[in-house]
């Protein structure tokens, strides 16, 4: 399928999901669009002008996007609706790794009553360790999640944020009691990964002091809770919060590292092992949408290598997004992490070559690439960031340029520090701490840079209103500029990516 037809289908579907997520779409409008699409297809058949074909594909895909979104559950089942605002005693299964905070933990629990099922978020202050597959009882007042106002003055649609994960009710606070452990291969696999993640974090704590160990954990397997509110705020103000949690960039580093390590293996064996390694990393990291998106792109790249076909990274990015949205339409509008990750990747793909060409005075190639990548990603993320949060970090660009070169090395030496903690915890813990010194130096550097820039006057400003139509206009202008500049400077096709992944 040629690129324009493919993009017509992808963009039409995404537009349909977007419209249905933001507005009520009436069937009369869909029938009208169906008529226009059919006429466009007939006109194409008669005159062979591909403009009509692209219009028909876009409209048919838009209708499909609306239809798919309408099939998605967004409300609490009626049987559970009767229990809202009452004290309940429910029994269910923990289906995700507990989200452990400073003073509480959040459990996603699957509940079944007769033929009806749903998920509930239980917030408990219990120190007991719960695991995936545990059957537990929950006692507390069942409530529907409500939107709330953020520090930036935005209304955060908390109910839709949870709905994208199939959660439609909250028990907070709750009393959670353990009943029994789960059984089965699936539970055993997830528990093994969960145990490994906990053991990995413990090994980091053996080799590295806080908050370096918490930052290493965030970089390698995800999670910012261990940093504490103050340090999280520092990273947020400095515009570096994306380095604290696993993102597409982290998966890129892991994928590149695995492929280079296995480069001497037979091609198919190396690709197979790399694919398994990437899948395990995604699962350990929690399989959130940004990580899953980057992981799928990595797998597409592996398939491309195995078949010998060229890896069209831009096409793969949009196909990946469409597949994820098809599976769960709610993530398009209500998962800000996915939005930031997608726009950053899009900026890197089409913006980095343009910015790099303007930085030819920077003679060091690696430094030029880091600066160009940081600028491109920041520019493309900024409009959606201002719309979603209103947080505008004036120091983010320079802080990112200073920090990003240290990230791959911090991850690598952090993993070595964890290995040292695992091996020498019970024999020579001091040796484990010595092994962790390089990681500690790099992690401390990242924290110092974030702290320095966060404490500068006017490091961050809050934009109180940034309408969505401005977001659309800005991105339209950005894409038009990049398309024209790229065609003029590099030819009709985008310059190929220099790395394994972007």
Foldseek 3Di string as FASTA:
>chain_A
DDPLLLVLLLVLLLLLLVCLVVHPDDVVVLVVLQVQLVVLVVVCVVPVDCVSVSSNSSSVSSSVNNVLNVPADQADDPVCVVQAQHKDKFKFFFAFQWQDAPQWIWTWTWGDDPPDIFIEIEIERDPDHDAGQWIKIKTAHKHFDQWDADPLRDTARVSLLVVLVRHGIYGPHIDIGTDDGGDDDVRVVLRVLVVVLVLLLVLLVLQAPPPLSQQLSQQQQFDDRSNDPVLCVLCVLLQNNCNSHDALVSLQLLLQVQCVVCVPPPLVVSLVVSLVVLVSSCSSSRVDQRSVLSSQLSNQLSVCSVVVHDRPQVSSSSVSVSVVCSVRVSCSPNPLRNVLSSQLQVLQQLFLVVQLVVVVVPPDPVLSSLLSSLVSSCLRNVLVCCAPFQKDFPNNSVLSSVQVVLSSVLNVLSSQLSVLSVVPVPPPSVVSNVSSVVNNVSSVVNSVSSNVLSPDPCRIDGDNHRDVVNSVVSVVVVVVVSCVVQCVPPNNDGDDDPGSHD
